[in-house]
N, C-alpha and C. Protein backbone atom coordinates (compact mmCIF):
# COMPACT_ATOMS: atom_id res chain seq x y z
N MET A 1 -43.81 -30.55 89.66
CA MET A 1 -44.64 -30.51 90.80
C MET A 1 -46.05 -30.89 90.30
N SER A 2 -46.79 -31.83 91.07
CA SER A 2 -47.99 -32.20 90.59
C SER A 2 -49.03 -31.18 91.22
N THR A 3 -50.23 -31.26 90.82
CA THR A 3 -51.29 -30.28 91.34
C THR A 3 -51.66 -30.41 92.70
N ASN A 4 -51.30 -31.68 93.30
CA ASN A 4 -51.68 -32.00 94.75
C ASN A 4 -50.59 -31.57 95.62
N GLU A 5 -49.41 -31.24 95.18
CA GLU A 5 -48.30 -30.94 96.10
C GLU A 5 -48.42 -29.45 96.45
N VAL A 6 -48.01 -29.09 97.60
CA VAL A 6 -47.98 -27.77 98.18
C VAL A 6 -46.61 -27.27 97.97
N PRO A 7 -46.44 -26.01 97.42
CA PRO A 7 -45.04 -25.41 97.14
C PRO A 7 -44.40 -25.18 98.55
N VAL A 8 -43.10 -25.39 98.48
CA VAL A 8 -42.29 -25.23 99.74
C VAL A 8 -41.34 -24.03 99.48
N THR A 9 -41.25 -23.16 100.48
CA THR A 9 -40.27 -22.06 100.26
C THR A 9 -38.85 -22.56 100.37
N ALA A 10 -37.97 -21.93 99.70
CA ALA A 10 -36.59 -22.35 99.72
C ALA A 10 -35.97 -21.85 101.11
N ALA A 11 -36.46 -20.76 101.58
CA ALA A 11 -35.75 -20.14 102.75
C ALA A 11 -36.15 -20.87 104.05
N THR A 12 -37.38 -21.20 104.25
CA THR A 12 -37.81 -21.97 105.44
C THR A 12 -38.20 -23.34 105.34
N GLY A 13 -38.44 -23.86 104.13
CA GLY A 13 -38.90 -25.22 104.04
C GLY A 13 -40.39 -25.43 104.54
N ASP A 14 -41.03 -24.34 104.93
CA ASP A 14 -42.34 -24.54 105.51
C ASP A 14 -43.46 -24.36 104.41
N PRO A 15 -44.25 -25.28 104.10
CA PRO A 15 -45.26 -25.25 103.02
C PRO A 15 -46.30 -24.23 103.41
N SER A 16 -46.65 -23.86 104.68
CA SER A 16 -47.70 -23.05 105.09
C SER A 16 -47.36 -21.62 104.74
N SER A 17 -46.01 -21.28 104.63
CA SER A 17 -45.78 -19.83 104.45
C SER A 17 -45.66 -19.45 103.03
N ALA A 18 -45.80 -20.44 102.17
CA ALA A 18 -45.70 -20.15 100.73
C ALA A 18 -46.94 -19.61 100.13
N SER A 19 -46.88 -18.67 99.23
CA SER A 19 -48.02 -18.03 98.60
C SER A 19 -47.96 -18.33 97.19
N PRO A 20 -48.95 -18.81 96.52
CA PRO A 20 -48.96 -19.01 95.07
C PRO A 20 -48.68 -17.79 94.26
N GLU A 21 -48.98 -16.64 94.83
CA GLU A 21 -48.74 -15.32 94.04
C GLU A 21 -47.28 -14.79 94.21
N ARG A 22 -46.84 -14.67 95.42
CA ARG A 22 -45.57 -14.16 95.77
C ARG A 22 -45.06 -14.61 97.06
N ALA A 23 -43.86 -14.56 97.35
CA ALA A 23 -43.36 -14.85 98.63
C ALA A 23 -43.67 -13.84 99.62
N HIS A 24 -43.82 -14.06 100.96
CA HIS A 24 -44.17 -13.05 101.90
C HIS A 24 -43.23 -12.02 102.00
N TYR A 25 -41.97 -12.18 101.74
CA TYR A 25 -40.90 -11.27 101.86
C TYR A 25 -40.62 -10.41 100.58
N ALA A 26 -41.27 -10.84 99.54
CA ALA A 26 -41.02 -10.06 98.19
C ALA A 26 -41.63 -8.61 98.38
N GLY A 27 -40.84 -7.72 98.27
CA GLY A 27 -41.33 -6.26 98.22
C GLY A 27 -41.61 -5.76 99.65
N ALA A 28 -41.60 -6.60 100.64
CA ALA A 28 -41.85 -6.13 101.97
C ALA A 28 -40.68 -5.44 102.59
N GLY A 29 -40.91 -4.41 103.42
CA GLY A 29 -39.78 -3.85 103.99
C GLY A 29 -39.07 -2.85 103.08
N GLU A 30 -38.05 -2.21 103.55
CA GLU A 30 -37.20 -1.29 102.75
C GLU A 30 -35.91 -1.93 102.38
N ALA A 31 -35.44 -1.34 101.21
CA ALA A 31 -34.16 -1.96 100.57
C ALA A 31 -33.03 -1.47 101.61
N GLU A 32 -32.23 -2.51 101.90
CA GLU A 32 -31.10 -2.09 102.73
C GLU A 32 -29.95 -1.60 101.88
N GLY A 33 -29.28 -0.62 102.50
CA GLY A 33 -28.09 -0.04 101.83
C GLY A 33 -28.42 0.94 100.81
N GLY A 34 -29.72 1.12 100.29
CA GLY A 34 -30.01 2.10 99.42
C GLY A 34 -30.24 3.42 99.86
N PRO A 35 -30.47 4.43 99.00
CA PRO A 35 -30.54 5.84 99.53
C PRO A 35 -31.82 5.89 100.50
N PRO A 36 -31.81 6.70 101.48
CA PRO A 36 -32.95 6.96 102.23
C PRO A 36 -34.15 7.60 101.42
N HIS A 37 -35.32 7.27 101.75
CA HIS A 37 -36.46 7.80 100.99
C HIS A 37 -36.61 9.28 101.32
N PRO A 38 -36.78 10.17 100.36
CA PRO A 38 -36.95 11.56 100.61
C PRO A 38 -38.36 11.81 101.14
N PRO A 39 -38.64 12.92 101.67
CA PRO A 39 -39.95 13.32 102.22
C PRO A 39 -40.91 13.34 101.08
N LYS A 40 -42.18 13.01 101.29
CA LYS A 40 -43.25 12.96 100.32
C LYS A 40 -43.44 14.37 99.70
N ARG A 41 -43.29 15.40 100.48
CA ARG A 41 -43.54 16.74 100.00
C ARG A 41 -42.31 17.61 100.18
N PHE A 42 -42.01 18.42 99.29
CA PHE A 42 -40.84 19.18 99.26
C PHE A 42 -41.28 20.69 99.77
N SER A 43 -40.45 21.26 100.50
CA SER A 43 -40.74 22.63 100.93
C SER A 43 -40.44 23.49 99.77
N ALA A 44 -40.86 24.77 99.91
CA ALA A 44 -40.47 25.74 98.92
C ALA A 44 -39.04 25.92 98.69
N GLN A 45 -38.39 25.96 99.91
CA GLN A 45 -36.89 26.11 99.89
C GLN A 45 -36.20 24.94 99.12
N ARG A 46 -36.62 23.76 99.40
CA ARG A 46 -36.00 22.61 98.70
C ARG A 46 -36.29 22.53 97.23
N LYS A 47 -37.49 23.06 96.90
CA LYS A 47 -37.79 23.05 95.49
C LYS A 47 -36.96 24.18 94.80
N LEU A 48 -36.69 25.35 95.44
CA LEU A 48 -35.91 26.36 94.87
C LEU A 48 -34.47 25.81 94.73
N GLU A 49 -33.92 24.99 95.75
CA GLU A 49 -32.67 24.53 95.60
C GLU A 49 -32.47 23.57 94.44
N ALA A 50 -33.56 22.85 94.25
CA ALA A 50 -33.53 21.90 93.04
C ALA A 50 -33.46 22.67 91.67
N VAL A 51 -34.27 23.73 91.66
CA VAL A 51 -34.37 24.43 90.42
C VAL A 51 -33.08 25.17 90.24
N GLN A 52 -32.39 25.72 91.28
CA GLN A 52 -31.10 26.38 91.18
C GLN A 52 -30.08 25.44 90.61
N ARG A 53 -30.15 24.18 91.04
CA ARG A 53 -29.23 23.18 90.47
C ARG A 53 -29.44 23.11 89.03
N LEU A 54 -30.54 22.99 88.56
CA LEU A 54 -30.96 22.93 87.14
C LEU A 54 -30.44 24.12 86.35
N LEU A 55 -30.76 25.32 86.94
CA LEU A 55 -30.30 26.52 86.29
C LEU A 55 -28.80 26.69 86.18
N ARG A 56 -28.16 26.16 87.14
CA ARG A 56 -26.69 26.20 87.15
C ARG A 56 -26.03 25.30 86.04
N GLY A 57 -26.89 24.40 85.40
CA GLY A 57 -26.45 23.59 84.35
C GLY A 57 -26.39 22.09 84.73
N GLU A 58 -26.71 21.70 85.92
CA GLU A 58 -26.67 20.28 86.38
C GLU A 58 -27.74 19.57 85.54
N PRO A 59 -27.36 18.38 84.91
CA PRO A 59 -28.39 17.65 84.11
C PRO A 59 -29.62 17.30 84.88
N LEU A 60 -30.77 17.35 84.12
CA LEU A 60 -32.08 17.14 84.72
C LEU A 60 -32.16 15.69 85.28
N GLU A 61 -31.52 14.74 84.62
CA GLU A 61 -31.62 13.42 85.00
C GLU A 61 -30.87 13.09 86.25
N ILE A 62 -29.76 13.82 86.43
CA ILE A 62 -28.96 13.60 87.67
C ILE A 62 -29.59 14.20 88.85
N VAL A 63 -30.19 15.41 88.76
CA VAL A 63 -30.97 16.06 89.78
C VAL A 63 -32.21 15.13 90.12
N SER A 64 -32.80 14.65 89.14
CA SER A 64 -34.01 13.76 89.37
C SER A 64 -33.63 12.53 90.07
N ARG A 65 -32.57 11.88 89.84
CA ARG A 65 -32.14 10.71 90.50
C ARG A 65 -31.70 10.95 91.90
N SER A 66 -30.93 12.10 92.07
CA SER A 66 -30.45 12.34 93.32
C SER A 66 -31.51 12.81 94.41
N LEU A 67 -32.56 13.46 93.81
CA LEU A 67 -33.69 13.84 94.72
C LEU A 67 -34.76 12.79 94.73
N ASN A 68 -34.75 11.81 93.81
CA ASN A 68 -35.82 10.74 93.77
C ASN A 68 -37.09 11.54 93.39
N VAL A 69 -37.05 12.42 92.37
CA VAL A 69 -38.24 13.13 92.00
C VAL A 69 -38.34 12.95 90.49
N PRO A 70 -39.56 12.78 90.00
CA PRO A 70 -39.66 12.63 88.47
C PRO A 70 -39.17 13.79 87.69
N ALA A 71 -38.52 13.61 86.68
CA ALA A 71 -37.98 14.79 85.82
C ALA A 71 -39.07 15.63 85.35
N ALA A 72 -40.21 15.16 85.12
CA ALA A 72 -41.47 16.11 84.78
C ALA A 72 -41.85 17.02 85.86
N ARG A 73 -41.79 16.56 87.15
CA ARG A 73 -42.07 17.47 88.19
C ARG A 73 -40.98 18.48 88.36
N LEU A 74 -39.71 18.12 88.20
CA LEU A 74 -38.60 19.08 88.27
C LEU A 74 -38.77 20.10 87.17
N SER A 75 -39.13 19.61 85.96
CA SER A 75 -39.33 20.61 84.97
C SER A 75 -40.54 21.65 85.21
N ALA A 76 -41.54 21.11 85.88
CA ALA A 76 -42.63 22.00 86.21
C ALA A 76 -42.26 23.02 87.22
N TRP A 77 -41.42 22.48 88.24
CA TRP A 77 -40.95 23.46 89.17
C TRP A 77 -40.10 24.52 88.67
N ARG A 78 -39.19 24.12 87.63
CA ARG A 78 -38.39 25.13 86.91
C ARG A 78 -39.16 26.19 86.20
N ASP A 79 -40.15 25.63 85.44
CA ASP A 79 -41.03 26.55 84.69
C ASP A 79 -41.79 27.53 85.49
N LYS A 80 -42.23 27.06 86.67
CA LYS A 80 -42.99 27.91 87.57
C LYS A 80 -42.00 29.02 88.21
N ALA A 81 -40.92 28.65 88.48
CA ALA A 81 -39.89 29.53 89.11
C ALA A 81 -39.45 30.59 88.00
N LEU A 82 -39.34 30.17 86.76
CA LEU A 82 -38.94 31.17 85.73
C LEU A 82 -40.12 32.05 85.40
N ASN A 83 -41.34 31.49 85.47
CA ASN A 83 -42.57 32.52 85.30
C ASN A 83 -42.65 33.42 86.32
N GLY A 84 -42.38 33.04 87.57
CA GLY A 84 -42.50 33.93 88.70
C GLY A 84 -41.39 34.98 88.65
N ALA A 85 -40.18 34.62 88.26
CA ALA A 85 -39.07 35.55 88.09
C ALA A 85 -39.47 36.54 86.98
N LEU A 86 -40.06 36.11 86.00
CA LEU A 86 -40.32 37.10 84.85
C LEU A 86 -41.36 38.03 85.33
N ALA A 87 -42.36 37.60 86.06
CA ALA A 87 -43.55 38.41 86.63
C ALA A 87 -42.86 39.52 87.58
N ALA A 88 -41.86 39.07 88.39
CA ALA A 88 -41.20 39.96 89.28
C ALA A 88 -40.33 41.09 88.58
N ILE A 89 -39.75 40.67 87.50
CA ILE A 89 -38.86 41.59 86.73
C ILE A 89 -39.83 42.53 85.85
N LYS A 90 -40.96 42.21 85.44
CA LYS A 90 -41.80 42.98 84.82
C LYS A 90 -42.53 44.12 85.64
N GLU A 91 -42.62 43.76 86.94
CA GLU A 91 -43.24 44.70 87.86
C GLU A 91 -42.36 45.92 87.96
N ARG A 92 -43.05 47.16 87.72
CA ARG A 92 -42.39 48.31 87.85
C ARG A 92 -42.44 48.99 89.32
N GLU A 93 -41.64 49.82 89.64
CA GLU A 93 -41.66 50.44 90.99
C GLU A 93 -42.69 51.42 91.06
N ARG A 94 -43.19 51.58 92.29
CA ARG A 94 -44.26 52.51 92.53
C ARG A 94 -43.64 53.99 92.64
N ASP A 95 -44.28 54.97 92.19
CA ASP A 95 -43.91 56.28 92.36
C ASP A 95 -45.14 57.17 92.77
N ALA A 96 -45.00 58.53 92.73
CA ALA A 96 -46.03 59.35 93.26
C ALA A 96 -47.26 59.32 92.41
N ARG A 97 -47.09 59.08 91.12
CA ARG A 97 -48.24 58.97 90.21
C ARG A 97 -49.16 57.78 90.67
N ASP A 98 -48.57 56.71 91.13
CA ASP A 98 -49.33 55.60 91.48
C ASP A 98 -50.20 55.92 92.70
N ASP A 99 -49.55 56.62 93.64
CA ASP A 99 -50.34 56.96 94.88
C ASP A 99 -51.44 57.96 94.53
N GLU A 100 -51.24 58.89 93.60
CA GLU A 100 -52.34 59.81 93.30
C GLU A 100 -53.46 59.13 92.52
N SER A 101 -53.02 58.14 91.68
CA SER A 101 -54.01 57.40 90.91
C SER A 101 -54.92 56.60 91.89
N ALA A 102 -54.26 55.96 92.93
CA ALA A 102 -55.00 55.16 93.84
C ALA A 102 -55.99 56.05 94.63
N ARG A 103 -55.48 57.30 94.98
CA ARG A 103 -56.40 58.16 95.75
C ARG A 103 -57.50 58.59 94.96
N LEU A 104 -57.32 58.98 93.73
CA LEU A 104 -58.35 59.47 92.79
C LEU A 104 -59.38 58.22 92.54
N LYS A 105 -58.92 56.99 92.35
CA LYS A 105 -59.88 55.86 92.12
C LYS A 105 -60.74 55.61 93.36
N ALA A 106 -60.10 55.84 94.58
CA ALA A 106 -60.90 55.70 95.83
C ALA A 106 -62.03 56.76 95.86
N LYS A 107 -61.50 58.00 95.43
CA LYS A 107 -62.50 59.10 95.44
C LYS A 107 -63.66 58.87 94.47
N VAL A 108 -63.43 58.40 93.25
CA VAL A 108 -64.44 57.91 92.33
C VAL A 108 -65.42 56.94 92.82
N GLY A 109 -64.79 55.99 93.61
CA GLY A 109 -65.64 54.93 94.11
C GLY A 109 -66.55 55.47 95.24
N GLU A 110 -66.06 56.33 96.05
CA GLU A 110 -66.84 56.95 97.10
C GLU A 110 -67.99 57.73 96.42
N THR A 111 -67.72 58.55 95.38
CA THR A 111 -68.65 59.39 94.73
C THR A 111 -69.73 58.47 94.11
N THR A 112 -69.31 57.49 93.45
CA THR A 112 -70.20 56.60 92.87
C THR A 112 -71.21 56.00 93.87
N MET A 113 -70.69 55.54 94.97
CA MET A 113 -71.54 54.92 96.01
C MET A 113 -72.48 56.01 96.57
N ALA A 114 -72.11 57.27 96.66
CA ALA A 114 -73.03 58.22 97.26
C ALA A 114 -74.06 58.55 96.18
N ILE A 115 -73.69 58.54 95.06
CA ILE A 115 -74.79 58.80 93.94
C ILE A 115 -75.81 57.62 93.97
N GLU A 116 -75.32 56.36 94.04
CA GLU A 116 -76.26 55.27 93.98
C GLU A 116 -77.16 55.37 95.24
N LEU A 117 -76.65 55.68 96.40
CA LEU A 117 -77.53 55.84 97.64
C LEU A 117 -78.45 56.84 97.45
N LEU A 118 -78.18 57.99 96.95
CA LEU A 118 -79.06 59.14 96.72
C LEU A 118 -80.12 58.76 95.76
N GLU A 119 -79.83 57.99 94.64
CA GLU A 119 -80.87 57.61 93.67
C GLU A 119 -81.84 56.56 94.41
N GLU A 120 -81.33 55.72 95.23
CA GLU A 120 -82.22 54.86 95.93
C GLU A 120 -83.19 55.58 96.89
N LYS A 121 -82.57 56.60 97.52
CA LYS A 121 -83.41 57.41 98.48
C LYS A 121 -84.40 58.25 97.78
N ILE A 122 -84.14 58.70 96.50
CA ILE A 122 -85.12 59.47 95.69
C ILE A 122 -86.23 58.54 95.35
N ALA A 123 -85.73 57.35 94.77
CA ALA A 123 -86.81 56.33 94.38
C ALA A 123 -87.69 55.92 95.57
N HIS A 124 -87.23 55.84 96.64
CA HIS A 124 -88.06 55.51 97.86
C HIS A 124 -88.95 56.67 98.26
N LEU A 125 -88.55 57.79 98.22
CA LEU A 125 -89.35 59.00 98.56
C LEU A 125 -90.53 59.28 97.43
N GLU A 126 -90.10 59.01 96.30
CA GLU A 126 -91.16 59.20 95.25
C GLU A 126 -92.16 58.13 95.23
N GLY A 127 -91.87 57.04 95.89
CA GLY A 127 -92.87 55.98 96.10
C GLY A 127 -93.16 55.30 94.67
N GLY A 128 -92.14 55.22 93.85
CA GLY A 128 -92.41 54.62 92.56
C GLY A 128 -93.00 55.51 91.48
N ARG A 129 -93.31 56.78 91.89
CA ARG A 129 -93.89 57.70 90.84
C ARG A 129 -92.82 58.96 90.69
N PRO A 130 -92.73 59.34 89.50
CA PRO A 130 -91.84 60.56 89.31
C PRO A 130 -92.17 61.71 90.02
N LEU A 131 -91.17 62.56 90.30
CA LEU A 131 -91.49 63.81 90.92
C LEU A 131 -92.49 64.64 89.95
N ALA A 132 -93.36 65.38 90.59
CA ALA A 132 -94.29 66.23 89.74
C ALA A 132 -93.48 67.35 89.24
N ARG A 133 -93.80 67.82 88.07
CA ARG A 133 -93.12 68.92 87.41
C ARG A 133 -93.63 70.18 88.06
N ARG A 134 -92.66 71.16 88.24
CA ARG A 134 -93.04 72.43 88.79
C ARG A 134 -93.45 73.36 87.70
N ARG A 135 -94.50 74.22 87.99
CA ARG A 135 -94.83 75.21 86.98
C ARG A 135 -93.86 76.52 87.29
N LEU A 136 -93.50 76.96 86.16
CA LEU A 136 -92.78 78.25 86.23
C LEU A 136 -93.63 79.42 86.67
N ARG A 137 -93.24 80.25 87.49
CA ARG A 137 -94.00 81.47 87.95
C ARG A 137 -93.56 82.55 86.92
N ARG A 138 -94.59 83.31 86.54
CA ARG A 138 -94.19 84.42 85.57
C ARG A 138 -94.51 85.79 86.24
């Protein structure tokens, strides 16, 4: 083809519909007969189901292909799920000591706040000067 000729598309024979970069139909639209596109975001439930498939021994590549999710993302989901499970297992059950400890911590907080308020009040009443020392009576 010479430089003065206009390219003609094979499908239509129309020189005006040809593009020097790519045909108008290339990559346009969805592939027919292929798997439907998954949602762009996965719910926590769907992520958990994917992780459960991996933990049951299903190969990472197969799960990745079936869900159309990169293997790295699936691995990250699995790691987060395992870390969450580990934290849940480490957590100990509450008992009476925990309740007593929480009550005492609250009491210490209240007392500390009262002391700070009293110190502010004393400083305000003194007007920036210390209280005068009292003389002892004999």
